Amino acid sequence: MAAGALSLSPQAALVAETLGRVRAEVEGFKAPRYAAVHPGLPYAYVTDSASEEVVVLDVYGARIAGR
């Protein structure tokens, strides 16, 4: 994915393409709130305010890589 967007919903983190099509929905979040994308690696860091965790999201694999 050369360019894209990461959108958050109350129940899941959504990995979306630039054309507005949802590529994948990643479950496992209670209340995702903020996201930051790594500048050189395909990872996003998403805060889960209900579990008080930072979740590492593998953007290419559309999966949770760590908590």
N, C-alpha and C. Protein backbone atom coordinates (compact mmCIF):
# COMPACT_ATOMS: atom_id res chain seq x y z
N MET A 1 0.85 -1.16 0.00
CA MET A 1 0.00 0.00 0.00
C MET A 1 0.90 1.23 0.00
N ALA A 2 1.03 1.87 -1.10
CA ALA A 2 1.90 3.02 -1.22
C ALA A 2 1.39 4.21 -0.42
N ALA A 3 0.10 4.46 -0.49
CA ALA A 3 -0.50 5.55 0.26
C ALA A 3 -1.85 5.07 0.75
N GLY A 4 -2.25 5.56 1.89
CA GLY A 4 -3.53 5.11 2.42
C GLY A 4 -3.90 5.93 3.62
N ALA A 5 -4.94 5.49 4.27
CA ALA A 5 -5.42 6.17 5.45
C ALA A 5 -5.81 5.15 6.49
N LEU A 6 -5.72 5.53 7.73
CA LEU A 6 -6.15 4.69 8.84
C LEU A 6 -7.30 5.40 9.51
N SER A 7 -8.46 4.79 9.50
CA SER A 7 -9.64 5.38 10.13
C SER A 7 -9.99 4.57 11.36
N LEU A 8 -10.47 5.24 12.39
CA LEU A 8 -10.82 4.55 13.62
C LEU A 8 -12.33 4.63 13.83
N SER A 9 -12.91 3.54 14.32
CA SER A 9 -14.31 3.52 14.70
C SER A 9 -14.37 3.13 16.17
N PRO A 10 -15.52 3.24 16.82
CA PRO A 10 -15.59 2.90 18.25
C PRO A 10 -15.23 1.46 18.58
N GLN A 11 -15.41 0.52 17.66
CA GLN A 11 -15.16 -0.88 17.96
C GLN A 11 -13.94 -1.47 17.27
N ALA A 12 -13.47 -0.88 16.18
CA ALA A 12 -12.39 -1.50 15.41
C ALA A 12 -11.55 -0.44 14.74
N ALA A 13 -10.34 -0.81 14.40
CA ALA A 13 -9.49 0.06 13.58
C ALA A 13 -9.67 -0.38 12.14
N LEU A 14 -9.88 0.55 11.26
CA LEU A 14 -10.10 0.23 9.87
C LEU A 14 -8.90 0.67 9.05
N VAL A 15 -8.37 -0.21 8.24
CA VAL A 15 -7.28 0.13 7.34
C VAL A 15 -7.92 0.42 6.00
N ALA A 16 -7.83 1.64 5.53
CA ALA A 16 -8.55 2.04 4.33
C ALA A 16 -7.60 2.47 3.23
N GLU A 17 -7.98 2.22 2.02
CA GLU A 17 -7.24 2.68 0.84
C GLU A 17 -7.53 4.17 0.61
N THR A 18 -6.75 4.80 -0.24
CA THR A 18 -6.93 6.22 -0.51
C THR A 18 -8.21 6.50 -1.29
N LEU A 19 -8.73 5.55 -2.02
CA LEU A 19 -9.94 5.77 -2.81
C LEU A 19 -11.21 5.64 -1.97
N GLY A 20 -11.06 5.47 -0.68
CA GLY A 20 -12.22 5.39 0.19
C GLY A 20 -12.74 3.98 0.38
N ARG A 21 -12.13 3.00 -0.24
CA ARG A 21 -12.55 1.61 -0.05
C ARG A 21 -11.87 1.05 1.19
N VAL A 22 -12.62 0.36 2.00
CA VAL A 22 -12.05 -0.27 3.18
C VAL A 22 -11.34 -1.55 2.74
N ARG A 23 -10.08 -1.67 3.08
CA ARG A 23 -9.30 -2.85 2.72
C ARG A 23 -9.44 -3.94 3.76
N ALA A 24 -9.48 -3.56 5.01
CA ALA A 24 -9.59 -4.55 6.09
C ALA A 24 -10.11 -3.89 7.35
N GLU A 25 -10.80 -4.67 8.14
CA GLU A 25 -11.23 -4.22 9.46
C GLU A 25 -10.53 -5.09 10.48
N VAL A 26 -9.83 -4.44 11.39
CA VAL A 26 -9.07 -5.16 12.41
C VAL A 26 -9.84 -5.08 13.72
N GLU A 27 -10.21 -6.22 14.25
CA GLU A 27 -10.94 -6.25 15.51
C GLU A 27 -9.96 -6.50 16.65
N GLY A 28 -10.44 -6.38 17.86
CA GLY A 28 -9.59 -6.60 19.02
C GLY A 28 -9.37 -5.33 19.83
N PHE A 29 -10.12 -4.30 19.49
CA PHE A 29 -10.04 -3.03 20.21
C PHE A 29 -11.31 -2.84 21.01
N LYS A 30 -11.19 -2.23 22.19
CA LYS A 30 -12.36 -1.88 22.97
C LYS A 30 -12.82 -0.47 22.65
N ALA A 31 -11.88 0.46 22.58
CA ALA A 31 -12.20 1.86 22.30
C ALA A 31 -10.99 2.55 21.68
N PRO A 32 -10.71 2.28 20.39
CA PRO A 32 -9.56 2.94 19.75
C PRO A 32 -9.78 4.45 19.69
N ARG A 33 -8.72 5.20 19.98
CA ARG A 33 -8.91 6.64 20.05
C ARG A 33 -7.97 7.41 19.13
N TYR A 34 -6.66 7.27 19.29
CA TYR A 34 -5.70 8.03 18.50
C TYR A 34 -4.77 7.07 17.77
N ALA A 35 -4.26 7.51 16.63
CA ALA A 35 -3.33 6.68 15.86
C ALA A 35 -2.16 7.52 15.38
N ALA A 36 -1.00 6.89 15.34
CA ALA A 36 0.20 7.50 14.78
C ALA A 36 0.85 6.45 13.89
N VAL A 37 1.29 6.86 12.71
CA VAL A 37 1.89 5.94 11.75
C VAL A 37 3.40 6.09 11.78
N HIS A 38 4.10 4.96 11.80
CA HIS A 38 5.57 4.97 11.77
C HIS A 38 6.02 5.52 10.43
N PRO A 39 7.00 6.42 10.39
CA PRO A 39 7.41 7.03 9.12
C PRO A 39 8.14 6.09 8.17
N GLY A 40 8.76 5.02 8.68
CA GLY A 40 9.54 4.17 7.79
C GLY A 40 9.14 2.71 7.77
N LEU A 41 8.26 2.32 8.65
CA LEU A 41 7.83 0.93 8.73
C LEU A 41 6.31 0.85 8.59
N PRO A 42 5.79 -0.30 8.20
CA PRO A 42 4.34 -0.41 7.99
C PRO A 42 3.57 -0.66 9.28
N TYR A 43 3.79 0.18 10.28
CA TYR A 43 3.12 0.02 11.56
C TYR A 43 2.40 1.30 11.96
N ALA A 44 1.28 1.10 12.62
CA ALA A 44 0.56 2.22 13.23
C ALA A 44 0.42 1.89 14.71
N TYR A 45 0.44 2.91 15.51
CA TYR A 45 0.31 2.77 16.96
C TYR A 45 -1.03 3.38 17.33
N VAL A 46 -1.91 2.57 17.88
CA VAL A 46 -3.29 2.99 18.16
C VAL A 46 -3.52 2.89 19.66
N THR A 47 -4.00 3.97 20.27
CA THR A 47 -4.34 3.91 21.69
C THR A 47 -5.72 3.29 21.84
N ASP A 48 -5.85 2.44 22.84
CA ASP A 48 -7.14 1.84 23.19
C ASP A 48 -7.47 2.39 24.58
N SER A 49 -8.35 3.38 24.63
CA SER A 49 -8.58 4.07 25.90
C SER A 49 -9.30 3.20 26.92
N ALA A 50 -10.08 2.23 26.51
CA ALA A 50 -10.79 1.37 27.46
C ALA A 50 -9.84 0.39 28.14
N SER A 51 -8.89 -0.15 27.40
CA SER A 51 -7.94 -1.09 27.99
C SER A 51 -6.65 -0.41 28.46
N GLU A 52 -6.53 0.89 28.19
CA GLU A 52 -5.37 1.69 28.55
C GLU A 52 -4.08 1.09 27.99
N GLU A 53 -4.12 0.73 26.70
CA GLU A 53 -2.97 0.14 26.01
C GLU A 53 -2.67 0.92 24.73
N VAL A 54 -1.45 0.74 24.27
CA VAL A 54 -1.08 1.16 22.93
C VAL A 54 -0.93 -0.13 22.12
N VAL A 55 -1.67 -0.21 21.03
CA VAL A 55 -1.69 -1.41 20.20
C VAL A 55 -0.89 -1.14 18.93
N VAL A 56 0.01 -2.06 18.60
CA VAL A 56 0.80 -1.94 17.37
C VAL A 56 0.04 -2.66 16.27
N LEU A 57 -0.27 -1.94 15.21
CA LEU A 57 -1.04 -2.48 14.10
C LEU A 57 -0.14 -2.66 12.89
N ASP A 58 -0.06 -3.87 12.37
CA ASP A 58 0.66 -4.15 11.13
C ASP A 58 -0.26 -3.74 9.99
N VAL A 59 0.07 -2.64 9.34
CA VAL A 59 -0.81 -2.08 8.31
C VAL A 59 -0.89 -2.98 7.08
N TYR A 60 0.21 -3.55 6.64
CA TYR A 60 0.20 -4.41 5.46
C TYR A 60 -0.55 -5.71 5.75
N GLY A 61 -0.31 -6.30 6.91
CA GLY A 61 -0.96 -7.55 7.26
C GLY A 61 -2.37 -7.38 7.83
N ALA A 62 -2.73 -6.14 8.13
CA ALA A 62 -4.04 -5.81 8.70
C ALA A 62 -4.32 -6.68 9.92
N ARG A 63 -3.36 -6.65 10.87
CA ARG A 63 -3.50 -7.45 12.09
C ARG A 63 -2.81 -6.73 13.24
N ILE A 64 -3.16 -7.13 14.44
CA ILE A 64 -2.50 -6.60 15.63
C ILE A 64 -1.16 -7.30 15.77
N ALA A 65 -0.09 -6.52 15.84
CA ALA A 65 1.26 -7.07 15.93
C ALA A 65 1.76 -7.12 17.37
N GLY A 66 1.13 -6.35 18.24
CA GLY A 66 1.55 -6.35 19.64
C GLY A 66 0.73 -5.37 20.45
N ARG A 67 0.88 -5.50 21.75
CA ARG A 67 0.18 -4.60 22.70
C ARG A 67 1.16 -4.07 23.71
